[in-house]
Amino acid sequence: MNKGQLIEAVATELSTSKAAASRAVEAVVSSITDGIKKDDSVTIVGFGSFAKKQRSARTVRNPATGEPIHIQATTTVGFKPSPALKGDLVSPNGV
């Protein structure tokens, strides 16, 4: 599902216009982004948690040439699904 499809699904679920659904989706995304920047994490009960993660600097090898490449430390965002969401994603036969 991409952003356009999400907006369409929200519009259908709320029986509202796509413009209103777009504003709602944008507000949620903006609020999550601001929360991560301010508090380092955002938790949505029943869905999961978004949190800042630090990746340390490391040296890797270029697979084509074998030459070592240094990658600097970075900050990224990780997502950890809630147990409820994990349970919804697992099929009954465990596959």
PDB file of N, CA and C in Angstrom:
ATOM      1  N   MET A   1       0.859  -1.171   0.000  1.00  0.00           N
ATOM      2  CA  MET A   1       0.000   0.000   0.000  1.00  0.00           C
ATOM      3  C   MET A   1       0.902   1.231   0.000  1.00  0.00           C
ATOM      4  N   ASN A   2       0.637   2.146  -0.904  1.00  0.00           N
ATOM      5  CA  ASN A   2       1.395   3.392  -0.912  1.00  0.00           C
ATOM      6  C   ASN A   2       0.559   4.507  -0.274  1.00  0.00           C
ATOM      7  N   LYS A   3       1.101   5.710  -0.230  1.00  0.00           N
ATOM      8  CA  LYS A   3       0.432   6.815   0.460  1.00  0.00           C
ATOM      9  C   LYS A   3      -0.923   7.145  -0.167  1.00  0.00           C
ATOM     10  N   GLY A   4      -0.993   7.132  -1.478  1.00  0.00           N
ATOM     11  CA  GLY A   4      -2.260   7.408  -2.163  1.00  0.00           C
ATOM     12  C   GLY A   4      -3.328   6.383  -1.819  1.00  0.00           C
ATOM     13  N   GLN A   5      -2.927   5.123  -1.767  1.00  0.00           N
ATOM     14  CA  GLN A   5      -3.867   4.062  -1.410  1.00  0.00           C
ATOM     15  C   GLN A   5      -4.291   4.182   0.049  1.00  0.00           C
ATOM     16  N   LEU A   6      -3.366   4.590   0.910  1.00  0.00           N
ATOM     17  CA  LEU A   6      -3.700   4.802   2.322  1.00  0.00           C
ATOM     18  C   LEU A   6      -4.729   5.920   2.453  1.00  0.00           C
ATOM     19  N   ILE A   7      -4.523   7.008   1.744  1.00  0.00           N
ATOM     20  CA  ILE A   7      -5.467   8.132   1.780  1.00  0.00           C
ATOM     21  C   ILE A   7      -6.838   7.685   1.294  1.00  0.00           C
ATOM     22  N   GLU A   8      -6.868   6.912   0.227  1.00  0.00           N
ATOM     23  CA  GLU A   8      -8.134   6.401  -0.296  1.00  0.00           C
ATOM     24  C   GLU A   8      -8.830   5.490   0.724  1.00  0.00           C
ATOM     25  N   ALA A   9      -8.063   4.624   1.396  1.00  0.00           N
ATOM     26  CA  ALA A   9      -8.630   3.729   2.404  1.00  0.00           C
ATOM     27  C   ALA A   9      -9.180   4.523   3.588  1.00  0.00           C
ATOM     28  N   VAL A  10      -8.455   5.567   4.036  1.00  0.00           N
ATOM     29  CA  VAL A  10      -8.927   6.408   5.142  1.00  0.00           C
ATOM     30  C   VAL A  10     -10.194   7.142   4.727  1.00  0.00           C
ATOM     31  N   ALA A  11     -10.242   7.668   3.514  1.00  0.00           N
ATOM     32  CA  ALA A  11     -11.436   8.371   3.024  1.00  0.00           C
ATOM     33  C   ALA A  11     -12.639   7.436   3.020  1.00  0.00           C
ATOM     34  N   THR A  12     -12.434   6.210   2.585  1.00  0.00           N
ATOM     35  CA  THR A  12     -13.527   5.229   2.556  1.00  0.00           C
ATOM     36  C   THR A  12     -13.967   4.871   3.970  1.00  0.00           C
ATOM     37  N   GLU A  13     -12.997   4.620   4.853  1.00  0.00           N
ATOM     38  CA  GLU A  13     -13.302   4.227   6.236  1.00  0.00           C
ATOM     39  C   GLU A  13     -14.066   5.320   6.975  1.00  0.00           C
ATOM     40  N   LEU A  14     -13.701   6.575   6.727  1.00  0.00           N
ATOM     41  CA  LEU A  14     -14.337   7.696   7.429  1.00  0.00           C
ATOM     42  C   LEU A  14     -15.500   8.314   6.660  1.00  0.00           C
ATOM     43  N   SER A  15     -15.784   7.790   5.479  1.00  0.00           N
ATOM     44  CA  SER A  15     -16.836   8.344   4.619  1.00  0.00           C
ATOM     45  C   SER A  15     -16.645   9.851   4.444  1.00  0.00           C
ATOM     46  N   THR A  16     -15.449  10.223   4.027  1.00  0.00           N
ATOM     47  CA  THR A  16     -15.098  11.634   3.863  1.00  0.00           C
ATOM     48  C   THR A  16     -14.392  11.820   2.522  1.00  0.00           C
ATOM     49  N   SER A  17     -14.062  13.053   2.211  1.00  0.00           N
ATOM     50  CA  SER A  17     -13.380  13.340   0.946  1.00  0.00           C
ATOM     51  C   SER A  17     -11.920  12.907   1.015  1.00  0.00           C
ATOM     52  N   LYS A  18     -11.328  12.743  -0.168  1.00  0.00           N
ATOM     53  CA  LYS A  18      -9.909  12.391  -0.212  1.00  0.00           C
ATOM     54  C   LYS A  18      -9.058  13.543   0.314  1.00  0.00           C
ATOM     55  N   ALA A  19      -9.512  14.764   0.130  1.00  0.00           N
ATOM     56  CA  ALA A  19      -8.765  15.929   0.625  1.00  0.00           C
ATOM     57  C   ALA A  19      -8.703  15.909   2.153  1.00  0.00           C
ATOM     58  N   ALA A  20      -9.831  15.619   2.791  1.00  0.00           N
ATOM     59  CA  ALA A  20      -9.861  15.555   4.258  1.00  0.00           C
ATOM     60  C   ALA A  20      -9.023  14.373   4.758  1.00  0.00           C
ATOM     61  N   ALA A  21      -9.121  13.243   4.060  1.00  0.00           N
ATOM     62  CA  ALA A  21      -8.331  12.070   4.442  1.00  0.00           C
ATOM     63  C   ALA A  21      -6.843  12.354   4.264  1.00  0.00           C
ATOM     64  N   SER A  22      -6.491  13.072   3.215  1.00  0.00           N
ATOM     65  CA  SER A  22      -5.095  13.434   2.983  1.00  0.00           C
ATOM     66  C   SER A  22      -4.566  14.310   4.107  1.00  0.00           C
ATOM     67  N   ARG A  23      -5.365  15.276   4.552  1.00  0.00           N
ATOM     68  CA  ARG A  23      -4.959  16.131   5.670  1.00  0.00           C
ATOM     69  C   ARG A  23      -4.780  15.297   6.940  1.00  0.00           C
ATOM     70  N   ALA A  24      -5.657  14.328   7.154  1.00  0.00           N
ATOM     71  CA  ALA A  24      -5.571  13.474   8.341  1.00  0.00           C
ATOM     72  C   ALA A  24      -4.299  12.619   8.301  1.00  0.00           C
ATOM     73  N   VAL A  25      -4.017  12.017   7.163  1.00  0.00           N
ATOM     74  CA  VAL A  25      -2.815  11.184   7.027  1.00  0.00           C
ATOM     75  C   VAL A  25      -1.571  12.043   7.203  1.00  0.00           C
ATOM     76  N   GLU A  26      -1.547  13.207   6.582  1.00  0.00           N
ATOM     77  CA  GLU A  26      -0.405  14.117   6.718  1.00  0.00           C
ATOM     78  C   GLU A  26      -0.206  14.541   8.175  1.00  0.00           C
ATOM     79  N   ALA A  27      -1.306  14.784   8.888  1.00  0.00           N
ATOM     80  CA  ALA A  27      -1.222  15.182  10.295  1.00  0.00           C
ATOM     81  C   ALA A  27      -0.622  14.058  11.140  1.00  0.00           C
ATOM     82  N   VAL A  28      -1.018  12.832  10.882  1.00  0.00           N
ATOM     83  CA  VAL A  28      -0.489  11.695  11.633  1.00  0.00           C
ATOM     84  C   VAL A  28       1.000  11.520  11.347  1.00  0.00           C
ATOM     85  N   VAL A  29       1.372  11.544  10.076  1.00  0.00           N
ATOM     86  CA  VAL A  29       2.781  11.376   9.710  1.00  0.00           C
ATOM     87  C   VAL A  29       3.625  12.498  10.308  1.00  0.00           C
ATOM     88  N   SER A  30       3.135  13.713  10.229  1.00  0.00           N
ATOM     89  CA  SER A  30       3.854  14.863  10.780  1.00  0.00           C
ATOM     90  C   SER A  30       4.003  14.742  12.298  1.00  0.00           C
ATOM     91  N   SER A  31       2.950  14.310  12.967  1.00  0.00           N
ATOM     92  CA  SER A  31       2.994  14.152  14.420  1.00  0.00           C
ATOM     93  C   SER A  31       3.972  13.059  14.840  1.00  0.00           C
ATOM     94  N   ILE A  32       4.009  11.959  14.100  1.00  0.00           N
ATOM     95  CA  ILE A  32       4.962  10.889  14.397  1.00  0.00           C
ATOM     96  C   ILE A  32       6.388  11.402  14.190  1.00  0.00           C
ATOM     97  N   THR A  33       6.617  12.106  13.088  1.00  0.00           N
ATOM     98  CA  THR A  33       7.942  12.665  12.800  1.00  0.00           C
ATOM     99  C   THR A  33       8.380  13.621  13.894  1.00  0.00           C
ATOM    100  N   ASP A  34       7.495  14.541  14.295  1.00  0.00           N
ATOM    101  CA  ASP A  34       7.819  15.494  15.355  1.00  0.00           C
ATOM    102  C   ASP A  34       8.082  14.784  16.681  1.00  0.00           C
ATOM    103  N   GLY A  35       7.300  13.757  16.979  1.00  0.00           N
ATOM    104  CA  GLY A  35       7.479  13.003  18.222  1.00  0.00           C
ATOM    105  C   GLY A  35       8.813  12.298  18.271  1.00  0.00           C
ATOM    106  N   ILE A  36       9.230  11.724  17.160  1.00  0.00           N
ATOM    107  CA  ILE A  36      10.528  11.045  17.112  1.00  0.00           C
ATOM    108  C   ILE A  36      11.651  12.058  17.294  1.00  0.00           C
ATOM    109  N   LYS A  37      11.528  13.207  16.639  1.00  0.00           N
ATOM    110  CA  LYS A  37      12.553  14.244  16.760  1.00  0.00           C
ATOM    111  C   LYS A  37      12.640  14.762  18.195  1.00  0.00           C
ATOM    112  N   LYS A  38      11.480  14.944  18.837  1.00  0.00           N
ATOM    113  CA  LYS A  38      11.439  15.537  20.175  1.00  0.00           C
ATOM    114  C   LYS A  38      11.740  14.532  21.282  1.00  0.00           C
ATOM    115  N   ASP A  39      11.082  13.394  21.250  1.00  0.00           N
ATOM    116  CA  ASP A  39      11.150  12.432  22.356  1.00  0.00           C
ATOM    117  C   ASP A  39      11.961  11.174  22.047  1.00  0.00           C
ATOM    118  N   ASP A  40      12.491  11.040  20.866  1.00  0.00           N
ATOM    119  CA  ASP A  40      13.255   9.874  20.420  1.00  0.00           C
ATOM    120  C   ASP A  40      12.400   8.646  20.136  1.00  0.00           C
ATOM    121  N   SER A  41      11.116   8.649  20.531  1.00  0.00           N
ATOM    122  CA  SER A  41      10.269   7.502  20.214  1.00  0.00           C
ATOM    123  C   SER A  41       8.792   7.893  20.242  1.00  0.00           C
ATOM    124  N   VAL A  42       8.003   7.114  19.515  1.00  0.00           N
ATOM    125  CA  VAL A  42       6.547   7.282  19.483  1.00  0.00           C
ATOM    126  C   VAL A  42       5.947   5.891  19.581  1.00  0.00           C
ATOM    127  N   THR A  43       5.040   5.689  20.530  1.00  0.00           N
ATOM    128  CA  THR A  43       4.386   4.406  20.700  1.00  0.00           C
ATOM    129  C   THR A  43       2.901   4.556  20.414  1.00  0.00           C
ATOM    130  N   ILE A  44       2.390   3.698  19.547  1.00  0.00           N
ATOM    131  CA  ILE A  44       0.962   3.660  19.232  1.00  0.00           C
ATOM    132  C   ILE A  44       0.474   2.292  19.702  1.00  0.00           C
ATOM    133  N   VAL A  45      -0.292   2.298  20.790  1.00  0.00           N
ATOM    134  CA  VAL A  45      -0.757   1.054  21.398  1.00  0.00           C
ATOM    135  C   VAL A  45      -1.562   0.252  20.372  1.00  0.00           C
ATOM    136  N   GLY A  46      -1.259  -1.030  20.263  1.00  0.00           N
ATOM    137  CA  GLY A  46      -1.940  -1.908  19.328  1.00  0.00           C
ATOM    138  C   GLY A  46      -1.324  -1.897  17.938  1.00  0.00           C
ATOM    139  N   PHE A  47      -0.369  -1.003  17.690  1.00  0.00           N
ATOM    140  CA  PHE A  47       0.288  -0.927  16.384  1.00  0.00           C
ATOM    141  C   PHE A  47       1.784  -1.167  16.510  1.00  0.00           C
ATOM    142  N   GLY A  48       2.478  -0.321  17.287  1.00  0.00           N
ATOM    143  CA  GLY A  48       3.905  -0.508  17.467  1.00  0.00           C
ATOM    144  C   GLY A  48       4.608   0.763  17.897  1.00  0.00           C
ATOM    145  N   SER A  49       5.942   0.701  17.894  1.00  0.00           N
ATOM    146  CA  SER A  49       6.760   1.823  18.333  1.00  0.00           C
ATOM    147  C   SER A  49       7.760   2.214  17.256  1.00  0.00           C
ATOM    148  N   PHE A  50       7.899   3.515  17.063  1.00  0.00           N
ATOM    149  CA  PHE A  50       8.932   4.077  16.205  1.00  0.00           C
ATOM    150  C   PHE A  50       9.979   4.667  17.137  1.00  0.00           C
ATOM    151  N   ALA A  51      11.249   4.390  16.899  1.00  0.00           N
ATOM    152  CA  ALA A  51      12.297   4.909  17.777  1.00  0.00           C
ATOM    153  C   ALA A  51      13.565   5.199  16.988  1.00  0.00           C
ATOM    154  N   LYS A  52      14.308   6.225  17.459  1.00  0.00           N
ATOM    155  CA  LYS A  52      15.604   6.528  16.867  1.00  0.00           C
ATOM    156  C   LYS A  52      16.564   5.393  17.177  1.00  0.00           C
ATOM    157  N   LYS A  53      17.407   5.063  16.213  1.00  0.00           N
ATOM    158  CA  LYS A  53      18.435   4.052  16.397  1.00  0.00           C
ATOM    159  C   LYS A  53      19.757   4.621  15.905  1.00  0.00           C
ATOM    160  N   GLN A  54      20.810   4.286  16.605  1.00  0.00           N
ATOM    161  CA  GLN A  54      22.149   4.703  16.198  1.00  0.00           C
ATOM    162  C   GLN A  54      22.830   3.535  15.491  1.00  0.00           C
ATOM    163  N   ARG A  55      23.370   3.810  14.329  1.00  0.00           N
ATOM    164  CA  ARG A  55      24.185   2.827  13.627  1.00  0.00           C
ATOM    165  C   ARG A  55      25.628   3.275  13.744  1.00  0.00           C
ATOM    166  N   SER A  56      26.477   2.413  14.245  1.00  0.00           N
ATOM    167  CA  SER A  56      27.875   2.787  14.428  1.00  0.00           C
ATOM    168  C   SER A  56      28.606   2.801  13.085  1.00  0.00           C
ATOM    169  N   ALA A  57      29.729   3.493  13.071  1.00  0.00           N
ATOM    170  CA  ALA A  57      30.570   3.528  11.889  1.00  0.00           C
ATOM    171  C   ALA A  57      31.112   2.118  11.650  1.00  0.00           C
ATOM    172  N   ARG A  58      31.327   1.788  10.395  1.00  0.00           N
ATOM    173  CA  ARG A  58      31.816   0.450  10.090  1.00  0.00           C
ATOM    174  C   ARG A  58      32.545   0.458   8.741  1.00  0.00           C
ATOM    175  N   THR A  59      33.304  -0.565   8.526  1.00  0.00           N
ATOM    176  CA  THR A  59      33.995  -0.739   7.254  1.00  0.00           C
ATOM    177  C   THR A  59      33.378  -1.939   6.553  1.00  0.00           C
ATOM    178  N   VAL A  60      33.027  -1.753   5.293  1.00  0.00           N
ATOM    179  CA  VAL A  60      32.441  -2.821   4.479  1.00  0.00           C
ATOM    180  C   VAL A  60      33.298  -2.986   3.223  1.00  0.00           C
ATOM    181  N   ARG A  61      33.001  -3.986   2.450  1.00  0.00           N
ATOM    182  CA  ARG A  61      33.745  -4.205   1.210  1.00  0.00           C
ATOM    183  C   ARG A  61      32.819  -4.031   0.007  1.00  0.00           C
ATOM    184  N   ASN A  62      33.335  -3.355  -0.997  1.00  0.00           N
ATOM    185  CA  ASN A  62      32.626  -3.227  -2.264  1.00  0.00           C
ATOM    186  C   ASN A  62      32.600  -4.617  -2.900  1.00  0.00           C
ATOM    187  N   PRO A  63      31.422  -5.189  -3.154  1.00  0.00           N
ATOM    188  CA  PRO A  63      31.375  -6.558  -3.680  1.00  0.00           C
ATOM    189  C   PRO A  63      31.982  -6.689  -5.081  1.00  0.00           C
ATOM    190  N   ALA A  64      31.980  -5.611  -5.855  1.00  0.00           N
ATOM    191  CA  ALA A  64      32.522  -5.692  -7.208  1.00  0.00           C
ATOM    192  C   ALA A  64      34.047  -5.666  -7.220  1.00  0.00           C
ATOM    193  N   THR A  65      34.648  -4.836  -6.353  1.00  0.00           N
ATOM    194  CA  THR A  65      36.100  -4.660  -6.380  1.00  0.00           C
ATOM    195  C   THR A  65      36.810  -5.248  -5.166  1.00  0.00           C
ATOM    196  N   GLY A  66      36.089  -5.500  -4.095  1.00  0.00           N
ATOM    197  CA  GLY A  66      36.696  -5.982  -2.869  1.00  0.00           C
ATOM    198  C   GLY A  66      37.359  -4.888  -2.055  1.00  0.00           C
ATOM    199  N   GLU A  67      37.264  -3.659  -2.543  1.00  0.00           N
ATOM    200  CA  GLU A  67      37.885  -2.519  -1.867  1.00  0.00           C
ATOM    201  C   GLU A  67      37.119  -2.171  -0.597  1.00  0.00           C
ATOM    202  N   PRO A  68      37.824  -1.913   0.513  1.00  0.00           N
ATOM    203  CA  PRO A  68      37.125  -1.518   1.742  1.00  0.00           C
ATOM    204  C   PRO A  68      36.549  -0.110   1.624  1.00  0.00           C
ATOM    205  N   ILE A  69      35.364   0.065   2.168  1.00  0.00           N
ATOM    206  CA  ILE A  69      34.682   1.359   2.167  1.00  0.00           C
ATOM    207  C   ILE A  69      34.285   1.671   3.608  1.00  0.00           C
ATOM    208  N   HIS A  70      34.582   2.891   4.058  1.00  0.00           N
ATOM    209  CA  HIS A  70      34.211   3.306   5.411  1.00  0.00           C
ATOM    210  C   HIS A  70      32.839   3.973   5.369  1.00  0.00           C
ATOM    211  N   ILE A  71      31.912   3.508   6.205  1.00  0.00           N
ATOM    212  CA  ILE A  71      30.582   4.104   6.321  1.00  0.00           C
ATOM    213  C   ILE A  71      30.502   4.795   7.669  1.00  0.00           C
ATOM    214  N   GLN A  72      30.113   6.069   7.655  1.00  0.00           N
ATOM    215  CA  GLN A  72      30.051   6.849   8.887  1.00  0.00           C
ATOM    216  C   GLN A  72      28.855   6.432   9.749  1.00  0.00           C
ATOM    217  N   ALA A  73      28.918   6.767  11.015  1.00  0.00           N
ATOM    218  CA  ALA A  73      27.811   6.513  11.944  1.00  0.00           C
ATOM    219  C   ALA A  73      26.598   7.336  11.507  1.00  0.00           C
ATOM    220  N   THR A  74      25.417   6.771  11.647  1.00  0.00           N
ATOM    221  CA  THR A  74      24.191   7.470  11.262  1.00  0.00           C
ATOM    222  C   THR A  74      23.099   7.244  12.300  1.00  0.00           C
ATOM    223  N   THR A  75      22.114   8.100  12.252  1.00  0.00           N
ATOM    224  CA  THR A  75      20.903   7.946  13.052  1.00  0.00           C
ATOM    225  C   THR A  75      19.787   7.593  12.097  1.00  0.00           C
ATOM    226  N   THR A  76      19.017   6.586  12.444  1.00  0.00           N
ATOM    227  CA  THR A  76      17.905   6.149  11.607  1.00  0.00           C
ATOM    228  C   THR A  76      16.690   5.903  12.495  1.00  0.00           C
ATOM    229  N   VAL A  77      15.592   5.499  11.901  1.00  0.00           N
ATOM    230  CA  VAL A  77      14.370   5.208  12.652  1.00  0.00           C
ATOM    231  C   VAL A  77      14.035   3.735  12.479  1.00  0.00           C
ATOM    232  N   GLY A  78      13.739   3.086  13.590  1.00  0.00           N
ATOM    233  CA  GLY A  78      13.337   1.690  13.558  1.00  0.00           C
ATOM    234  C   GLY A  78      11.879   1.556  13.972  1.00  0.00           C
ATOM    235  N   PHE A  79      11.250   0.479  13.555  1.00  0.00           N
ATOM    236  CA  PHE A  79       9.866   0.200  13.925  1.00  0.00           C
ATOM    237  C   PHE A  79       9.808  -1.173  14.561  1.00  0.00           C
ATOM    238  N   LYS A  80       9.140  -1.252  15.711  1.00  0.00           N
ATOM    239  CA  LYS A  80       8.936  -2.526  16.394  1.00  0.00           C
ATOM    240  C   LYS A  80       7.433  -2.736  16.517  1.00  0.00           C
ATOM    241  N   PRO A  81       6.886  -3.744  15.849  1.00  0.00           N
ATOM    242  CA  PRO A  81       5.439  -3.964  15.919  1.00  0.00           C
ATOM    243  C   PRO A  81       5.003  -4.428  17.304  1.00  0.00           C
ATOM    244  N   SER A  82       3.761  -4.080  17.659  1.00  0.00           N
ATOM    245  CA  SER A  82       3.217  -4.510  18.946  1.00  0.00           C
ATOM    246  C   SER A  82       2.882  -6.001  18.880  1.00  0.00           C
ATOM    247  N   PRO A  83       2.768  -6.646  20.029  1.00  0.00           N
ATOM    248  CA  PRO A  83       2.373  -8.063  20.032  1.00  0.00           C
ATOM    249  C   PRO A  83       1.025  -8.290  19.328  1.00  0.00           C
ATOM    250  N   ALA A  84       0.113  -7.327  19.458  1.00  0.00           N
ATOM    251  CA  ALA A  84      -1.190  -7.470  18.797  1.00  0.00           C
ATOM    252  C   ALA A  84      -1.032  -7.485  17.284  1.00  0.00           C
ATOM    253  N   LEU A  85      -0.203  -6.592  16.753  1.00  0.00           N
ATOM    254  CA  LEU A  85       0.018  -6.554  15.305  1.00  0.00           C
ATOM    255  C   LEU A  85       0.760  -7.807  14.847  1.00  0.00           C
ATOM    256  N   LYS A  86       1.749  -8.236  15.608  1.00  0.00           N
ATOM    257  CA  LYS A  86       2.481  -9.449  15.262  1.00  0.00           C
ATOM    258  C   LYS A  86       1.523 -10.639  15.179  1.00  0.00           C
ATOM    259  N   GLY A  87       0.605 -10.715  16.144  1.00  0.00           N
ATOM    260  CA  GLY A  87      -0.368 -11.804  16.165  1.00  0.00           C
ATOM    261  C   GLY A  87      -1.275 -11.792  14.953  1.00  0.00           C
ATOM    262  N   ASP A  88      -1.611 -10.596  14.459  1.00  0.00           N
ATOM    263  CA  ASP A  88      -2.469 -10.492  13.276  1.00  0.00           C
ATOM    264  C   ASP A  88      -1.720 -10.885  12.003  1.00  0.00           C
ATOM    265  N   LEU A  89      -0.403 -10.795  12.017  1.00  0.00           N
ATOM    266  CA  LEU A  89       0.392 -11.065  10.823  1.00  0.00           C
ATOM    267  C   LEU A  89       0.787 -12.533  10.690  1.00  0.00           C
ATOM    268  N   VAL A  90       0.710 -13.290  11.781  1.00  0.00           N
ATOM    269  CA  VAL A  90       1.106 -14.697  11.744  1.00  0.00           C
ATOM    270  C   VAL A  90      -0.070 -15.522  11.283  1.00  0.00           C
ATOM    271  N   SER A  91       0.164 -16.386  10.303  1.00  0.00           N
ATOM    272  CA  SER A  91      -0.897 -17.252   9.812  1.00  0.00           C
ATOM    273  C   SER A  91      -1.145 -18.387  10.798  1.00  0.00           C
ATOM    274  N   PRO A  92      -2.323 -19.010  10.761  1.00  0.00           N
ATOM    275  CA  PRO A  92      -2.670 -20.059  11.731  1.00  0.00           C
ATOM    276  C   PRO A  92      -1.703 -21.236  11.713  1.00  0.00           C
ATOM    277  N   ASN A  93      -1.088 -21.561  10.563  1.00  0.00           N
ATOM    278  CA  ASN A  93      -0.178 -22.715  10.513  1.00  0.00           C
ATOM    279  C   ASN A  93       1.259 -22.305  10.844  1.00  0.00           C
ATOM    280  N   GLY A  94       1.488 -21.028  11.244  1.00  0.00           N
ATOM    281  CA  GLY A  94       2.798 -20.594  11.700  1.00  0.00           C
ATOM    282  C   GLY A  94       3.760 -20.224  10.595  1.00  0.00           C
ATOM    283  N   VAL A  95       3.289 -20.156   9.366  1.00  0.00           N
ATOM    284  CA  VAL A  95       4.159 -19.804   8.242  1.00  0.00           C
ATOM    285  C   VAL A  95       3.971 -18.361   7.855  1.00  0.00           C
TER     286      VAL A  95
END
